């Protein structure tokens, strides 16, 4: 057996053991030894928290399940969400950016769910106007939250990148305007 295969088998065994430990610890009354062992593993490898309980992922998965019920649609929506996160640079983002990207995705999913709910009521001929108004208001709130989350992410990305630019408009003789832009942080 090559060294790569042995390493893969060890990693697979460790992952399996971790999942079994998490499964045992998720009981209503877990064995204190399992909780202690899980605490120790989290101290040794802090990144394991994502395998134990990643709240942003739980929120996203619940929103996906609420938005659409067919499993195929849930898979497609999940892939859509992953693609959006990837295109926003999630993998290489700083921790602050990752939190903001997760927020953008959550607000986007909520917005899609509100749109979906409103669409369902608008198609009904007997829908009361008060119900449609309720969903319209919720949709507007979701749109504002999503826009705010996107704007915040863009601002933070610019700050982190240190690419704050200044544009100066200079009027030349004859009234023609010249725009000059430059990097504030340029050294």
N, C-alpha and C. Protein backbone atom coordinates (compact mmCIF):
# COMPACT_ATOMS: atom_id res chain seq x y z
N UNK A 1 0.83 -1.17 0.00
CA UNK A 1 0.00 0.00 0.00
C UNK A 1 0.88 1.24 0.00
N UNK A 2 0.55 2.22 -0.85
CA UNK A 2 1.37 3.44 -0.89
C UNK A 2 1.06 4.32 0.31
N UNK A 3 1.96 5.26 0.57
CA UNK A 3 1.79 6.18 1.70
C UNK A 3 0.52 7.03 1.55
N UNK A 4 0.19 7.44 0.30
CA UNK A 4 -1.01 8.25 0.07
C UNK A 4 -2.28 7.49 0.46
N UNK A 5 -2.33 6.22 0.14
CA UNK A 5 -3.50 5.41 0.46
C UNK A 5 -3.63 5.25 1.98
N UNK A 6 -2.52 5.05 2.66
CA UNK A 6 -2.53 4.90 4.12
C UNK A 6 -3.00 6.20 4.77
N UNK A 7 -2.50 7.33 4.29
CA UNK A 7 -2.92 8.63 4.84
C UNK A 7 -4.41 8.84 4.61
N UNK A 8 -4.90 8.50 3.40
CA UNK A 8 -6.33 8.64 3.11
C UNK A 8 -7.16 7.74 4.01
N UNK A 9 -6.72 6.51 4.24
CA UNK A 9 -7.45 5.59 5.12
C UNK A 9 -7.47 6.12 6.55
N UNK A 10 -6.33 6.65 7.04
CA UNK A 10 -6.27 7.21 8.39
C UNK A 10 -7.21 8.41 8.51
N UNK A 11 -7.21 9.29 7.52
CA UNK A 11 -8.07 10.47 7.54
C UNK A 11 -9.54 10.05 7.50
N UNK A 12 -9.83 9.04 6.69
CA UNK A 12 -11.21 8.54 6.60
C UNK A 12 -11.66 7.93 7.92
N UNK A 13 -10.76 7.17 8.56
CA UNK A 13 -11.07 6.56 9.85
C UNK A 13 -11.30 7.64 10.91
N UNK A 14 -10.44 8.67 10.91
CA UNK A 14 -10.57 9.76 11.88
C UNK A 14 -11.88 10.52 11.67
N UNK A 15 -12.24 10.76 10.42
CA UNK A 15 -13.49 11.46 10.12
C UNK A 15 -14.68 10.63 10.58
N UNK A 16 -14.63 9.34 10.32
CA UNK A 16 -15.71 8.44 10.74
C UNK A 16 -15.85 8.45 12.27
N UNK A 17 -14.72 8.38 12.96
CA UNK A 17 -14.74 8.41 14.43
C UNK A 17 -15.31 9.73 14.95
N UNK A 18 -14.93 10.83 14.29
CA UNK A 18 -15.45 12.13 14.71
C UNK A 18 -16.96 12.20 14.52
N UNK A 19 -17.45 11.73 13.39
CA UNK A 19 -18.89 11.75 13.14
C UNK A 19 -19.64 10.88 14.15
N UNK A 20 -19.06 9.74 14.49
CA UNK A 20 -19.68 8.89 15.51
C UNK A 20 -19.71 9.61 16.86
N UNK A 21 -18.62 10.30 17.20
CA UNK A 21 -18.55 11.04 18.45
C UNK A 21 -19.59 12.16 18.46
N UNK A 22 -19.69 12.90 17.38
CA UNK A 22 -20.68 13.98 17.29
C UNK A 22 -22.08 13.41 17.41
N UNK A 23 -22.32 12.28 16.75
CA UNK A 23 -23.63 11.63 16.82
C UNK A 23 -23.97 11.25 18.27
N UNK A 24 -23.00 10.72 18.99
CA UNK A 24 -23.22 10.35 20.39
C UNK A 24 -23.45 11.60 21.26
N UNK A 25 -22.75 12.68 20.95
CA UNK A 25 -22.85 13.90 21.75
C UNK A 25 -24.14 14.66 21.47
N UNK A 26 -24.81 14.40 20.35
CA UNK A 26 -26.03 15.12 19.99
C UNK A 26 -27.29 14.53 20.64
N UNK A 27 -27.14 13.57 21.50
CA UNK A 27 -28.29 12.99 22.19
C UNK A 27 -28.80 13.99 23.22
N UNK A 28 -30.06 13.80 23.63
CA UNK A 28 -30.64 14.70 24.62
C UNK A 28 -29.86 14.67 25.93
N UNK A 29 -29.45 13.48 26.35
CA UNK A 29 -28.63 13.34 27.55
C UNK A 29 -27.37 12.56 27.18
N UNK A 30 -26.39 13.28 26.60
CA UNK A 30 -25.16 12.58 26.16
C UNK A 30 -24.31 12.14 27.34
N UNK A 31 -23.50 11.15 27.09
CA UNK A 31 -22.55 10.67 28.07
C UNK A 31 -21.52 11.79 28.31
N UNK A 32 -21.29 12.17 29.56
CA UNK A 32 -20.31 13.22 29.85
C UNK A 32 -18.92 12.94 29.26
N UNK A 33 -18.56 11.66 29.16
CA UNK A 33 -17.26 11.31 28.56
C UNK A 33 -17.22 11.71 27.08
N UNK A 34 -18.34 11.54 26.38
CA UNK A 34 -18.40 11.92 24.96
C UNK A 34 -18.27 13.44 24.81
N UNK A 35 -18.94 14.17 25.69
CA UNK A 35 -18.85 15.63 25.65
C UNK A 35 -17.42 16.08 25.95
N UNK A 36 -16.80 15.45 26.93
CA UNK A 36 -15.41 15.78 27.28
C UNK A 36 -14.47 15.47 26.12
N UNK A 37 -14.68 14.33 25.47
CA UNK A 37 -13.84 13.95 24.33
C UNK A 37 -14.04 14.94 23.17
N UNK A 38 -15.27 15.34 22.93
CA UNK A 38 -15.56 16.31 21.87
C UNK A 38 -14.92 17.66 22.20
N UNK A 39 -15.02 18.08 23.45
CA UNK A 39 -14.39 19.33 23.89
C UNK A 39 -12.88 19.28 23.64
N UNK A 40 -12.26 18.14 23.96
CA UNK A 40 -10.82 17.97 23.77
C UNK A 40 -10.46 18.07 22.29
N UNK A 41 -11.24 17.41 21.43
CA UNK A 41 -10.96 17.45 19.99
C UNK A 41 -11.12 18.87 19.44
N UNK A 42 -12.12 19.60 19.94
CA UNK A 42 -12.32 20.98 19.49
C UNK A 42 -11.18 21.88 19.96
N UNK A 43 -10.62 21.58 21.12
CA UNK A 43 -9.46 22.35 21.60
C UNK A 43 -8.24 22.05 20.74
N UNK A 44 -8.07 20.78 20.37
CA UNK A 44 -6.91 20.37 19.57
C UNK A 44 -6.99 20.92 18.15
N UNK A 45 -8.18 20.85 17.56
CA UNK A 45 -8.39 21.30 16.18
C UNK A 45 -9.64 22.19 16.16
N UNK A 46 -9.47 23.48 16.41
CA UNK A 46 -10.62 24.38 16.51
C UNK A 46 -11.52 24.41 15.26
N UNK A 47 -10.95 24.12 14.08
CA UNK A 47 -11.73 24.16 12.84
C UNK A 47 -12.81 23.08 12.79
N UNK A 48 -12.75 22.13 13.71
CA UNK A 48 -13.75 21.05 13.71
C UNK A 48 -15.15 21.54 14.05
N UNK A 49 -15.27 22.77 14.59
CA UNK A 49 -16.59 23.26 14.97
C UNK A 49 -17.54 23.25 13.77
N UNK A 50 -16.99 23.43 12.56
CA UNK A 50 -17.88 23.44 11.39
C UNK A 50 -18.50 22.07 11.16
N UNK A 51 -17.80 21.02 11.53
CA UNK A 51 -18.36 19.66 11.38
C UNK A 51 -19.36 19.36 12.49
N UNK A 52 -19.19 20.01 13.64
CA UNK A 52 -20.07 19.75 14.77
C UNK A 52 -21.36 20.55 14.66
N UNK A 53 -21.23 21.86 14.44
CA UNK A 53 -22.43 22.69 14.33
C UNK A 53 -22.05 24.02 13.71
N UNK A 54 -22.41 24.21 12.46
CA UNK A 54 -22.15 25.45 11.74
C UNK A 54 -23.49 26.15 11.59
N UNK A 55 -23.76 27.13 12.48
CA UNK A 55 -25.08 27.75 12.55
C UNK A 55 -25.51 28.38 11.23
N UNK A 56 -24.60 29.03 10.52
CA UNK A 56 -24.95 29.65 9.24
C UNK A 56 -25.41 28.59 8.24
N UNK A 57 -24.76 27.44 8.27
CA UNK A 57 -25.14 26.35 7.36
C UNK A 57 -26.51 25.78 7.76
N UNK A 58 -26.76 25.67 9.04
CA UNK A 58 -28.06 25.18 9.52
C UNK A 58 -29.16 26.14 9.07
N UNK A 59 -28.93 27.44 9.21
CA UNK A 59 -29.91 28.44 8.78
C UNK A 59 -30.16 28.31 7.28
N UNK A 60 -29.07 28.23 6.50
CA UNK A 60 -29.23 28.11 5.04
C UNK A 60 -30.01 26.86 4.67
N UNK A 61 -29.66 25.73 5.27
CA UNK A 61 -30.36 24.48 4.95
C UNK A 61 -31.83 24.54 5.32
N UNK A 62 -32.16 25.16 6.46
CA UNK A 62 -33.56 25.29 6.85
C UNK A 62 -34.31 26.22 5.89
N UNK A 63 -33.67 27.30 5.47
CA UNK A 63 -34.31 28.20 4.51
C UNK A 63 -34.55 27.49 3.18
N UNK A 64 -33.59 26.69 2.76
CA UNK A 64 -33.77 25.94 1.51
C UNK A 64 -34.95 24.99 1.63
N UNK A 65 -35.03 24.26 2.75
CA UNK A 65 -36.15 23.33 2.95
C UNK A 65 -37.49 24.06 3.00
N UNK A 66 -37.53 25.25 3.57
CA UNK A 66 -38.77 26.03 3.64
C UNK A 66 -39.16 26.58 2.27
N UNK A 67 -38.16 26.93 1.47
CA UNK A 67 -38.44 27.54 0.18
C UNK A 67 -39.05 26.55 -0.80
N UNK A 68 -38.45 25.38 -0.91
CA UNK A 68 -38.94 24.36 -1.86
C UNK A 68 -38.95 23.00 -1.19
N UNK A 69 -39.94 22.19 -1.54
CA UNK A 69 -40.02 20.88 -0.90
C UNK A 69 -39.42 19.73 -1.72
N UNK A 70 -39.52 19.72 -3.05
CA UNK A 70 -38.92 18.59 -3.77
C UNK A 70 -37.41 18.54 -3.53
N UNK A 71 -36.91 17.35 -3.27
CA UNK A 71 -35.49 17.20 -2.97
C UNK A 71 -34.60 17.67 -4.13
N UNK A 72 -35.05 17.42 -5.37
CA UNK A 72 -34.27 17.85 -6.53
C UNK A 72 -34.14 19.37 -6.55
N UNK A 73 -35.21 20.08 -6.22
CA UNK A 73 -35.18 21.54 -6.19
C UNK A 73 -34.27 22.02 -5.06
N UNK A 74 -34.29 21.33 -3.92
CA UNK A 74 -33.41 21.69 -2.81
C UNK A 74 -31.95 21.52 -3.20
N UNK A 75 -31.64 20.44 -3.89
CA UNK A 75 -30.26 20.21 -4.36
C UNK A 75 -29.83 21.33 -5.31
N UNK A 76 -30.72 21.70 -6.23
CA UNK A 76 -30.39 22.76 -7.19
C UNK A 76 -30.19 24.09 -6.48
N UNK A 77 -31.06 24.41 -5.52
CA UNK A 77 -30.94 25.66 -4.78
C UNK A 77 -29.67 25.67 -3.93
N UNK A 78 -29.35 24.53 -3.35
CA UNK A 78 -28.11 24.42 -2.57
C UNK A 78 -26.90 24.66 -3.47
N UNK A 79 -26.91 24.08 -4.65
CA UNK A 79 -25.79 24.27 -5.60
C UNK A 79 -25.72 25.73 -6.03
N UNK A 80 -26.87 26.35 -6.26
CA UNK A 80 -26.93 27.76 -6.62
C UNK A 80 -26.27 28.60 -5.53
N UNK A 81 -26.62 28.31 -4.26
CA UNK A 81 -26.08 29.03 -3.12
C UNK A 81 -24.56 28.83 -3.03
N UNK A 82 -24.09 27.61 -3.22
CA UNK A 82 -22.65 27.34 -3.17
C UNK A 82 -21.91 28.09 -4.28
N UNK A 83 -22.51 28.14 -5.45
CA UNK A 83 -21.90 28.86 -6.57
C UNK A 83 -21.81 30.35 -6.26
N UNK A 84 -22.88 30.91 -5.70
CA UNK A 84 -22.86 32.32 -5.32
C UNK A 84 -21.75 32.59 -4.30
N UNK A 85 -21.64 31.72 -3.30
CA UNK A 85 -20.60 31.90 -2.28
C UNK A 85 -19.21 31.84 -2.91
N UNK A 86 -19.02 30.89 -3.80
CA UNK A 86 -17.73 30.74 -4.47
C UNK A 86 -17.42 31.98 -5.30
N UNK A 87 -18.41 32.50 -6.03
CA UNK A 87 -18.19 33.67 -6.86
C UNK A 87 -17.93 34.92 -6.03
N UNK A 88 -18.38 34.93 -4.78
CA UNK A 88 -18.10 36.06 -3.88
C UNK A 88 -16.75 35.91 -3.19
N UNK A 89 -16.03 34.83 -3.50
CA UNK A 89 -14.69 34.64 -2.97
C UNK A 89 -14.64 34.07 -1.56
N UNK A 90 -15.63 33.27 -1.20
CA UNK A 90 -15.74 32.75 0.16
C UNK A 90 -14.50 31.98 0.61
N UNK A 91 -13.98 31.14 -0.24
CA UNK A 91 -12.88 30.25 0.14
C UNK A 91 -11.65 31.03 0.60
N UNK A 92 -11.30 32.10 -0.09
CA UNK A 92 -10.10 32.86 0.24
C UNK A 92 -10.40 34.11 1.06
N UNK A 93 -11.63 34.28 1.50
CA UNK A 93 -12.02 35.49 2.22
C UNK A 93 -11.51 35.49 3.65
N UNK A 94 -11.38 36.69 4.20
CA UNK A 94 -11.03 36.82 5.62
C UNK A 94 -12.25 36.38 6.44
N UNK A 95 -12.08 36.22 7.73
CA UNK A 95 -13.17 35.77 8.58
C UNK A 95 -14.34 36.76 8.55
N UNK A 96 -14.03 38.05 8.54
CA UNK A 96 -15.10 39.06 8.49
C UNK A 96 -15.85 38.95 7.17
N UNK A 97 -15.11 38.81 6.08
CA UNK A 97 -15.76 38.66 4.78
C UNK A 97 -16.61 37.39 4.72
N UNK A 98 -16.10 36.30 5.30
CA UNK A 98 -16.87 35.05 5.30
C UNK A 98 -18.20 35.23 6.04
N UNK A 99 -18.15 35.90 7.20
CA UNK A 99 -19.38 36.15 7.94
C UNK A 99 -20.36 36.99 7.12
N UNK A 100 -19.84 38.00 6.44
CA UNK A 100 -20.70 38.85 5.62
C UNK A 100 -21.24 38.11 4.40
N UNK A 101 -20.42 37.27 3.79
CA UNK A 101 -20.89 36.47 2.65
C UNK A 101 -22.01 35.52 3.11
N UNK A 102 -21.82 34.90 4.27
CA UNK A 102 -22.87 34.04 4.81
C UNK A 102 -24.15 34.82 5.05
N UNK A 103 -24.01 36.07 5.51
CA UNK A 103 -25.18 36.92 5.73
C UNK A 103 -25.86 37.27 4.40
N UNK A 104 -25.07 37.59 3.39
CA UNK A 104 -25.63 37.89 2.06
C UNK A 104 -26.42 36.69 1.54
N UNK A 105 -25.87 35.50 1.71
CA UNK A 105 -26.55 34.29 1.24
C UNK A 105 -27.84 34.06 2.02
N UNK A 106 -27.80 34.23 3.34
CA UNK A 106 -29.01 34.05 4.16
C UNK A 106 -30.09 35.06 3.76
N UNK A 107 -29.70 36.32 3.56
CA UNK A 107 -30.70 37.32 3.18
C UNK A 107 -31.21 37.06 1.77
N UNK A 108 -30.35 36.55 0.91
CA UNK A 108 -30.77 36.21 -0.46
C UNK A 108 -31.79 35.07 -0.43
N UNK A 109 -31.51 34.05 0.40
CA UNK A 109 -32.45 32.93 0.50
C UNK A 109 -33.79 33.39 1.08
N UNK A 110 -33.75 34.25 2.11
CA UNK A 110 -35.00 34.78 2.67
C UNK A 110 -35.78 35.57 1.63
N UNK A 111 -35.06 36.37 0.88
CA UNK A 111 -35.69 37.16 -0.18
C UNK A 111 -36.36 36.25 -1.20
N UNK A 112 -35.69 35.19 -1.61
CA UNK A 112 -36.27 34.24 -2.56
C UNK A 112 -37.52 33.58 -1.99
N UNK A 113 -37.46 33.25 -0.70
CA UNK A 113 -38.60 32.62 -0.04
C UNK A 113 -39.79 33.58 0.00
N UNK A 114 -39.54 34.84 0.31
CA UNK A 114 -40.62 35.84 0.34
C UNK A 114 -41.23 36.00 -1.05
N UNK A 115 -40.39 36.06 -2.05
CA UNK A 115 -40.88 36.16 -3.44
C UNK A 115 -41.76 34.96 -3.78
N UNK A 116 -41.30 33.79 -3.38
CA UNK A 116 -42.02 32.55 -3.65
C UNK A 116 -43.38 32.55 -2.95
N UNK A 117 -43.40 32.99 -1.69
CA UNK A 117 -44.66 33.04 -0.93
C UNK A 117 -45.63 34.01 -1.57
N UNK A 118 -45.16 35.19 -1.90
CA UNK A 118 -46.01 36.22 -2.51
C UNK A 118 -46.55 35.73 -3.84
N UNK A 119 -45.70 35.10 -4.62
CA UNK A 119 -46.12 34.58 -5.91
C UNK A 119 -47.27 33.59 -5.75
N UNK A 120 -47.21 32.74 -4.72
CA UNK A 120 -48.27 31.77 -4.47
C UNK A 120 -49.61 32.43 -4.18
N UNK A 121 -49.59 33.50 -3.40
CA UNK A 121 -50.83 34.19 -3.07
C UNK A 121 -51.36 35.02 -4.23
N UNK A 122 -50.46 35.55 -5.04
CA UNK A 122 -50.90 36.38 -6.16
C UNK A 122 -51.60 35.55 -7.23
N UNK A 123 -51.26 34.27 -7.29
CA UNK A 123 -51.88 33.40 -8.28
C UNK A 123 -53.28 32.95 -7.90
N UNK A 124 -53.63 33.11 -6.63
CA UNK A 124 -54.95 32.71 -6.17
C UNK A 124 -55.95 33.82 -6.43
N UNK A 125 -57.06 33.48 -7.05
CA UNK A 125 -58.09 34.47 -7.34
C UNK A 125 -58.82 34.94 -6.09
N UNK A 126 -58.83 34.10 -5.06
CA UNK A 126 -59.59 34.44 -3.86
C UNK A 126 -58.70 34.93 -2.71
N UNK A 127 -57.45 35.27 -2.99
CA UNK A 127 -56.54 35.74 -1.94
C UNK A 127 -57.00 37.11 -1.44
N UNK A 128 -57.03 37.25 -0.11
CA UNK A 128 -57.43 38.54 0.47
C UNK A 128 -56.30 39.54 0.29
N UNK A 129 -56.70 40.76 0.10
CA UNK A 129 -55.74 41.83 -0.10
C UNK A 129 -54.83 41.99 1.12
N UNK A 130 -55.35 41.77 2.32
CA UNK A 130 -54.55 41.92 3.53
C UNK A 130 -53.41 40.89 3.56
N UNK A 131 -53.67 39.69 3.05
CA UNK A 131 -52.63 38.66 3.00
C UNK A 131 -51.55 39.06 2.00
N UNK A 132 -51.95 39.56 0.85
CA UNK A 132 -50.98 39.98 -0.16
C UNK A 132 -50.17 41.16 0.37
N UNK A 133 -50.83 42.12 1.03
CA UNK A 133 -50.11 43.26 1.60
C UNK A 133 -49.10 42.81 2.66
N UNK A 134 -49.49 41.82 3.48
CA UNK A 134 -48.58 41.28 4.49
C UNK A 134 -47.32 40.77 3.83
N UNK A 135 -47.46 39.95 2.77
CA UNK A 135 -46.29 39.38 2.11
C UNK A 135 -45.50 40.44 1.34
N UNK A 136 -46.20 41.46 0.82
CA UNK A 136 -45.50 42.57 0.15
C UNK A 136 -44.60 43.29 1.14
N UNK A 137 -45.09 43.55 2.36
CA UNK A 137 -44.28 44.22 3.37
C UNK A 137 -43.08 43.37 3.77
N UNK A 138 -43.31 42.08 3.96
CA UNK A 138 -42.21 41.19 4.32
C UNK A 138 -41.18 41.14 3.19
N UNK A 139 -41.66 41.15 1.96
CA UNK A 139 -40.76 41.16 0.81
C UNK A 139 -39.92 42.43 0.80
N UNK A 140 -40.54 43.56 1.05
CA UNK A 140 -39.81 44.84 1.08
C UNK A 140 -38.74 44.84 2.16
N UNK A 141 -39.07 44.33 3.33
CA UNK A 141 -38.09 44.25 4.42
C UNK A 141 -36.94 43.34 4.01
N UNK A 142 -37.26 42.22 3.39
CA UNK A 142 -36.21 41.28 2.95
C UNK A 142 -35.32 41.92 1.89
N UNK A 143 -35.91 42.68 0.99
CA UNK A 143 -35.12 43.35 -0.03
C UNK A 143 -34.16 44.35 0.59
N UNK A 144 -34.63 45.13 1.57
CA UNK A 144 -33.77 46.10 2.23
C UNK A 144 -32.63 45.41 2.98
N UNK A 145 -32.95 44.34 3.68
CA UNK A 145 -31.91 43.61 4.41
C UNK A 145 -30.86 43.06 3.47
N UNK A 146 -31.33 42.50 2.36
CA UNK A 146 -30.39 41.91 1.40
C UNK A 146 -29.50 43.00 0.78
N UNK A 147 -30.10 44.10 0.40
CA UNK A 147 -29.32 45.19 -0.18
C UNK A 147 -28.30 45.71 0.83
N UNK A 148 -28.69 45.88 2.08
CA UNK A 148 -27.78 46.34 3.13
C UNK A 148 -26.63 45.35 3.33
N UNK A 149 -26.95 44.06 3.31
CA UNK A 149 -25.91 43.03 3.47
C UNK A 149 -24.92 43.09 2.31
N UNK A 150 -25.43 43.27 1.09
CA UNK A 150 -24.56 43.36 -0.08
C UNK A 150 -23.67 44.60 -0.01
N UNK A 151 -24.28 45.73 0.34
CA UNK A 151 -23.51 46.96 0.44
C UNK A 151 -22.41 46.85 1.51
N UNK A 152 -22.73 46.26 2.63
CA UNK A 152 -21.75 46.10 3.70
C UNK A 152 -20.60 45.21 3.24
N UNK A 153 -20.92 44.13 2.57
CA UNK A 153 -19.87 43.23 2.06
C UNK A 153 -18.94 43.97 1.10
N UNK A 154 -19.51 44.73 0.19
CA UNK A 154 -18.69 45.46 -0.77
C UNK A 154 -17.80 46.47 -0.06
N UNK A 155 -18.34 47.20 0.92
CA UNK A 155 -17.54 48.18 1.67
C UNK A 155 -16.38 47.51 2.39
N UNK A 156 -16.66 46.40 3.06
CA UNK A 156 -15.61 45.71 3.81
C UNK A 156 -14.56 45.14 2.87
N UNK A 157 -14.98 44.58 1.74
CA UNK A 157 -14.01 44.07 0.77
C UNK A 157 -13.08 45.18 0.29
N UNK A 158 -13.64 46.36 0.06
CA UNK A 158 -12.81 47.48 -0.38
C UNK A 158 -11.84 47.90 0.73
N UNK A 159 -12.33 47.94 1.95
CA UNK A 159 -11.45 48.31 3.06
C UNK A 159 -10.32 47.31 3.25
N UNK A 160 -10.66 46.05 3.19
CA UNK A 160 -9.65 45.01 3.38
C UNK A 160 -8.64 45.01 2.23
N UNK A 161 -9.12 45.23 1.04
CA UNK A 161 -8.23 45.25 -0.12
C UNK A 161 -7.36 46.51 -0.12
N UNK A 162 -7.79 47.52 0.64
CA UNK A 162 -7.01 48.75 0.69
C UNK A 162 -6.99 49.50 -0.62
N UNK A 163 -8.05 49.34 -1.36
CA UNK A 163 -8.10 49.97 -2.68
C UNK A 163 -9.09 51.13 -2.69
N UNK A 164 -9.01 51.94 -1.66
CA UNK A 164 -9.85 53.13 -1.64
C UNK A 164 -9.32 54.10 -2.68
N UNK A 165 -10.18 54.54 -3.54
CA UNK A 165 -9.76 55.47 -4.58
C UNK A 165 -10.46 56.80 -4.40
N UNK A 166 -9.81 57.83 -4.88
CA UNK A 166 -10.38 59.17 -4.86
C UNK A 166 -10.46 59.64 -6.29
N UNK A 167 -11.57 60.27 -6.62
CA UNK A 167 -11.71 60.84 -7.95
C UNK A 167 -11.82 62.35 -7.80
N UNK A 168 -11.02 63.06 -8.57
CA UNK A 168 -11.03 64.51 -8.54
C UNK A 168 -11.46 64.99 -9.92
N UNK A 169 -12.43 65.88 -9.95
CA UNK A 169 -12.90 66.46 -11.20
C UNK A 169 -12.26 67.84 -11.35
N UNK A 170 -11.53 68.05 -12.44
CA UNK A 170 -10.82 69.31 -12.68
C UNK A 170 -11.37 69.93 -13.96
N UNK A 171 -11.77 71.18 -13.84
CA UNK A 171 -12.24 71.89 -15.02
C UNK A 171 -11.05 72.55 -15.68
N UNK A 172 -10.89 72.32 -16.98
CA UNK A 172 -9.79 72.93 -17.73
C UNK A 172 -10.29 74.19 -18.40
N UNK A 173 -9.38 74.91 -19.02
CA UNK A 173 -9.78 76.10 -19.76
C UNK A 173 -10.77 75.68 -20.83
N UNK A 174 -11.76 76.46 -21.02
CA UNK A 174 -12.79 76.14 -22.00
C UNK A 174 -13.92 75.34 -21.39
N UNK A 175 -13.83 75.04 -20.08
CA UNK A 175 -14.93 74.38 -19.39
C UNK A 175 -14.93 72.86 -19.51
N UNK A 176 -13.96 72.27 -20.19
CA UNK A 176 -13.93 70.82 -20.32
C UNK A 176 -13.48 70.21 -19.00
N UNK A 177 -14.16 69.14 -18.60
CA UNK A 177 -13.86 68.50 -17.32
C UNK A 177 -12.94 67.31 -17.52
N UNK A 178 -11.93 67.21 -16.64
CA UNK A 178 -11.01 66.08 -16.66
C UNK A 178 -11.17 65.33 -15.34
N UNK A 179 -11.35 64.03 -15.38
CA UNK A 179 -11.47 63.22 -14.18
C UNK A 179 -10.15 62.53 -13.90
N UNK A 180 -9.65 62.67 -12.67
CA UNK A 180 -8.40 62.05 -12.28
C UNK A 180 -8.70 61.14 -11.09
N UNK A 181 -8.38 59.87 -11.21
CA UNK A 181 -8.61 58.92 -10.11
C UNK A 181 -7.28 58.34 -9.66
N UNK A 182 -7.18 58.06 -8.38
CA UNK A 182 -5.94 57.47 -7.86
C UNK A 182 -6.18 56.69 -6.60
N UNK A 183 -5.24 55.83 -6.27
CA UNK A 183 -5.31 55.00 -5.08
C UNK A 183 -4.82 55.80 -3.89
N UNK A 184 -5.66 55.90 -2.86
CA UNK A 184 -5.30 56.66 -1.66
C UNK A 184 -4.12 56.02 -0.92
N UNK A 185 -4.07 54.71 -0.91
CA UNK A 185 -3.06 53.98 -0.15
C UNK A 185 -1.78 53.73 -0.94
N UNK A 186 -1.65 54.30 -2.07
CA UNK A 186 -0.47 54.07 -2.92
C UNK A 186 0.78 54.55 -2.20
N UNK A 187 1.81 53.74 -2.24
CA UNK A 187 3.07 54.10 -1.54
C UNK A 187 4.15 54.35 -2.54
